[in-house]
Every structure is written in C-alpha cells, then in structure tokens.
C-alpha cells in the first residue's frame, strides 16, 4: 500500500500558533491530518451558517445569488 503523510509547515507562524493552542487544550501534540480535519470542520460550520441550516440538502445547495458568507455570519 502506498500513501502520503502531510508535512506541516513547521516554520509557519499560524501553524505554530495552532500547535501551541492544541497542546495547551489537549495536553498532547497534534496527530497527522489534524490540521486538515480542523479546516474541514471549520468549512462545514461556515457552510451551515451560510445555509442557515444543518440539513445536508440545504448545505449542499448552491447559495442564493445575494447570499455571501459575510452576510450569513453577521
């Protein structure tokens, strides 16, 4: 089996801040793919806000032309 393992940008200030907060809250180092998982959950939350629903069909539907994420969050 062949696979890949993400390599985090260890010299990136934002990544280092993420790792620091993660370790402070969970008292352990983040595992592989945790950054991608965090991003995916955050994106899902933004989609739910934009759809104003947790219904998968409404989340998957294209937003109305006048809807913006800024409007949905406000």
N, C-alpha and C. Protein backbone atom coordinates (compact mmCIF):
# COMPACT_ATOMS: atom_id res chain seq x y z
N UNK A 1 0.84 -1.17 0.00
CA UNK A 1 0.00 0.00 0.00
C UNK A 1 0.89 1.23 0.00
N UNK A 2 0.52 2.19 -0.82
CA UNK A 2 1.26 3.44 -0.89
C UNK A 2 0.34 4.55 -0.43
N UNK A 3 0.86 5.46 0.35
CA UNK A 3 0.06 6.58 0.82
C UNK A 3 0.92 7.80 1.02
N UNK A 4 0.31 8.83 1.48
CA UNK A 4 1.04 10.05 1.75
C UNK A 4 0.79 10.49 3.18
N UNK A 5 1.68 11.28 3.67
CA UNK A 5 1.56 11.84 5.00
C UNK A 5 1.80 13.34 4.87
N UNK A 6 0.89 14.15 5.33
CA UNK A 6 1.10 15.59 5.19
C UNK A 6 2.28 16.05 6.04
N UNK A 7 2.99 16.98 5.53
CA UNK A 7 4.10 17.56 6.29
C UNK A 7 3.72 19.00 6.59
N UNK A 8 3.56 19.29 7.85
CA UNK A 8 3.14 20.62 8.26
C UNK A 8 4.27 21.62 8.06
N UNK A 9 3.92 22.84 7.72
CA UNK A 9 4.93 23.89 7.54
C UNK A 9 5.42 24.37 8.91
N UNK A 10 6.39 23.71 9.46
CA UNK A 10 6.81 23.97 10.83
C UNK A 10 7.42 25.35 11.06
N UNK A 11 7.72 26.06 10.00
CA UNK A 11 8.24 27.42 10.16
C UNK A 11 7.16 28.47 9.96
N UNK A 12 5.91 28.04 9.81
CA UNK A 12 4.79 28.94 9.58
C UNK A 12 4.23 29.42 10.92
N UNK A 13 4.12 30.72 11.09
CA UNK A 13 3.67 31.30 12.36
C UNK A 13 2.26 30.84 12.72
N UNK A 14 1.36 30.79 11.74
CA UNK A 14 -0.02 30.36 12.01
C UNK A 14 -0.06 28.90 12.44
N UNK A 15 0.74 28.08 11.80
CA UNK A 15 0.78 26.65 12.17
C UNK A 15 1.32 26.49 13.59
N UNK A 16 2.37 27.21 13.90
CA UNK A 16 2.95 27.11 15.24
C UNK A 16 1.95 27.58 16.30
N UNK A 17 1.17 28.60 16.00
CA UNK A 17 0.15 29.07 16.94
C UNK A 17 -0.93 28.00 17.12
N UNK A 18 -1.33 27.36 16.01
CA UNK A 18 -2.32 26.28 16.08
C UNK A 18 -1.81 25.15 16.98
N UNK A 19 -0.57 24.72 16.76
CA UNK A 19 0.02 23.63 17.54
C UNK A 19 0.08 24.01 19.02
N UNK A 20 0.46 25.25 19.30
CA UNK A 20 0.54 25.70 20.69
C UNK A 20 -0.83 25.65 21.37
N UNK A 21 -1.85 26.17 20.70
CA UNK A 21 -3.20 26.14 21.29
C UNK A 21 -3.70 24.70 21.45
N UNK A 22 -3.42 23.86 20.46
CA UNK A 22 -3.84 22.46 20.51
C UNK A 22 -3.21 21.77 21.72
N UNK A 23 -1.90 21.97 21.90
CA UNK A 23 -1.21 21.32 23.01
C UNK A 23 -1.68 21.85 24.36
N UNK A 24 -1.97 23.14 24.44
CA UNK A 24 -2.46 23.72 25.69
C UNK A 24 -3.81 23.14 26.08
N UNK A 25 -4.68 22.97 25.08
CA UNK A 25 -6.04 22.49 25.37
C UNK A 25 -6.12 20.99 25.58
N UNK A 26 -5.33 20.22 24.83
CA UNK A 26 -5.47 18.76 24.88
C UNK A 26 -4.29 18.05 25.53
N UNK A 27 -3.26 18.80 25.87
CA UNK A 27 -2.08 18.25 26.55
C UNK A 27 -1.42 17.12 25.75
N UNK A 28 -1.44 17.26 24.41
CA UNK A 28 -0.76 16.32 23.54
C UNK A 28 -0.48 17.01 22.21
N UNK A 29 0.48 16.46 21.49
CA UNK A 29 0.81 17.03 20.18
C UNK A 29 -0.23 16.61 19.15
N UNK A 30 -0.52 17.46 18.17
CA UNK A 30 -1.48 17.09 17.13
C UNK A 30 -0.96 15.93 16.28
N UNK A 31 -1.86 15.05 15.89
CA UNK A 31 -1.50 13.91 15.05
C UNK A 31 -1.59 14.29 13.57
N UNK A 32 -1.20 13.37 12.72
CA UNK A 32 -1.27 13.59 11.28
C UNK A 32 -2.70 13.91 10.85
N UNK A 33 -2.83 14.78 9.90
CA UNK A 33 -4.10 15.19 9.30
C UNK A 33 -4.97 16.05 10.21
N UNK A 34 -4.53 16.38 11.42
CA UNK A 34 -5.38 17.15 12.33
C UNK A 34 -5.65 18.54 11.79
N UNK A 35 -4.67 19.13 11.10
CA UNK A 35 -4.88 20.46 10.52
C UNK A 35 -5.97 20.41 9.45
N UNK A 36 -5.94 19.36 8.63
CA UNK A 36 -6.95 19.20 7.59
C UNK A 36 -8.33 18.96 8.20
N UNK A 37 -8.37 18.19 9.27
CA UNK A 37 -9.63 17.93 9.96
C UNK A 37 -10.19 19.23 10.53
N UNK A 38 -9.34 20.02 11.15
CA UNK A 38 -9.76 21.31 11.70
C UNK A 38 -10.34 22.19 10.59
N UNK A 39 -9.62 22.29 9.47
CA UNK A 39 -10.09 23.11 8.34
C UNK A 39 -11.42 22.60 7.80
N UNK A 40 -11.57 21.28 7.71
CA UNK A 40 -12.80 20.71 7.16
C UNK A 40 -14.00 21.01 8.07
N UNK A 41 -13.82 20.89 9.37
CA UNK A 41 -14.91 21.18 10.31
C UNK A 41 -15.25 22.66 10.29
N UNK A 42 -14.24 23.51 10.21
CA UNK A 42 -14.47 24.95 10.14
C UNK A 42 -15.23 25.30 8.87
N UNK A 43 -14.84 24.69 7.75
CA UNK A 43 -15.53 24.93 6.48
C UNK A 43 -16.98 24.46 6.56
N UNK A 44 -17.21 23.31 7.16
CA UNK A 44 -18.57 22.81 7.33
C UNK A 44 -19.41 23.79 8.16
N UNK A 45 -18.82 24.32 9.23
CA UNK A 45 -19.55 25.29 10.06
C UNK A 45 -19.90 26.53 9.26
N UNK A 46 -18.98 27.01 8.43
CA UNK A 46 -19.27 28.17 7.59
C UNK A 46 -20.39 27.86 6.59
N UNK A 47 -20.38 26.66 6.04
CA UNK A 47 -21.44 26.26 5.11
C UNK A 47 -22.80 26.20 5.82
N UNK A 48 -22.80 25.70 7.05
CA UNK A 48 -24.05 25.64 7.81
C UNK A 48 -24.56 27.05 8.12
N UNK A 49 -23.65 27.96 8.44
CA UNK A 49 -24.05 29.34 8.67
C UNK A 49 -24.62 29.96 7.40
N UNK A 50 -23.96 29.71 6.28
CA UNK A 50 -24.40 30.26 5.01
C UNK A 50 -25.77 29.71 4.63
N UNK A 51 -25.99 28.41 4.86
CA UNK A 51 -27.28 27.78 4.54
C UNK A 51 -28.33 28.07 5.61
N UNK A 52 -27.88 28.57 6.74
CA UNK A 52 -28.75 28.79 7.90
C UNK A 52 -29.50 27.52 8.26
N UNK A 53 -28.76 26.40 8.18
CA UNK A 53 -29.37 25.10 8.43
C UNK A 53 -28.27 24.05 8.62
N UNK A 54 -28.62 22.97 9.33
CA UNK A 54 -27.75 21.81 9.43
C UNK A 54 -28.22 20.69 8.52
N UNK A 55 -29.25 20.96 7.74
CA UNK A 55 -29.80 19.97 6.80
C UNK A 55 -28.81 19.78 5.64
N UNK A 56 -28.32 18.55 5.43
CA UNK A 56 -27.33 18.32 4.36
C UNK A 56 -27.79 18.80 2.98
N UNK A 57 -29.07 18.67 2.67
CA UNK A 57 -29.55 19.11 1.36
C UNK A 57 -29.44 20.63 1.21
N UNK A 58 -29.72 21.34 2.29
CA UNK A 58 -29.61 22.81 2.22
C UNK A 58 -28.16 23.25 2.19
N UNK A 59 -27.30 22.53 2.89
CA UNK A 59 -25.87 22.86 2.89
C UNK A 59 -25.28 22.64 1.50
N UNK A 60 -25.69 21.55 0.84
CA UNK A 60 -25.14 21.21 -0.47
C UNK A 60 -25.71 22.08 -1.59
N UNK A 61 -26.86 22.69 -1.37
CA UNK A 61 -27.48 23.51 -2.40
C UNK A 61 -26.67 24.78 -2.62
N UNK A 62 -26.58 25.24 -3.87
CA UNK A 62 -25.85 26.49 -4.11
C UNK A 62 -26.53 27.64 -3.39
N UNK A 63 -25.77 28.59 -2.89
CA UNK A 63 -26.37 29.72 -2.18
C UNK A 63 -27.11 30.63 -3.15
N UNK A 64 -28.05 31.37 -2.61
CA UNK A 64 -28.76 32.35 -3.43
C UNK A 64 -27.76 33.38 -3.90
N UNK A 65 -27.98 33.96 -5.06
CA UNK A 65 -27.02 34.94 -5.62
C UNK A 65 -26.69 36.09 -4.69
N UNK A 66 -27.63 36.51 -3.86
CA UNK A 66 -27.38 37.66 -2.99
C UNK A 66 -26.77 37.25 -1.65
N UNK A 67 -26.55 35.96 -1.42
CA UNK A 67 -26.01 35.49 -0.15
C UNK A 67 -24.50 35.50 -0.18
N UNK A 68 -23.91 36.07 0.84
CA UNK A 68 -22.46 36.00 0.99
C UNK A 68 -22.16 35.44 2.37
N UNK A 69 -21.00 34.90 2.55
CA UNK A 69 -20.62 34.34 3.85
C UNK A 69 -20.57 35.44 4.91
N UNK A 70 -20.19 36.64 4.51
CA UNK A 70 -20.15 37.75 5.45
C UNK A 70 -21.56 38.05 5.96
N UNK A 71 -22.54 38.03 5.07
CA UNK A 71 -23.93 38.26 5.47
C UNK A 71 -24.42 37.14 6.38
N UNK A 72 -24.05 35.91 6.05
CA UNK A 72 -24.51 34.75 6.83
C UNK A 72 -23.94 34.77 8.25
N UNK A 73 -22.73 35.24 8.41
CA UNK A 73 -22.08 35.25 9.72
C UNK A 73 -22.58 36.41 10.57
N UNK A 74 -22.91 37.51 9.94
CA UNK A 74 -23.31 38.72 10.67
C UNK A 74 -24.54 38.52 11.52
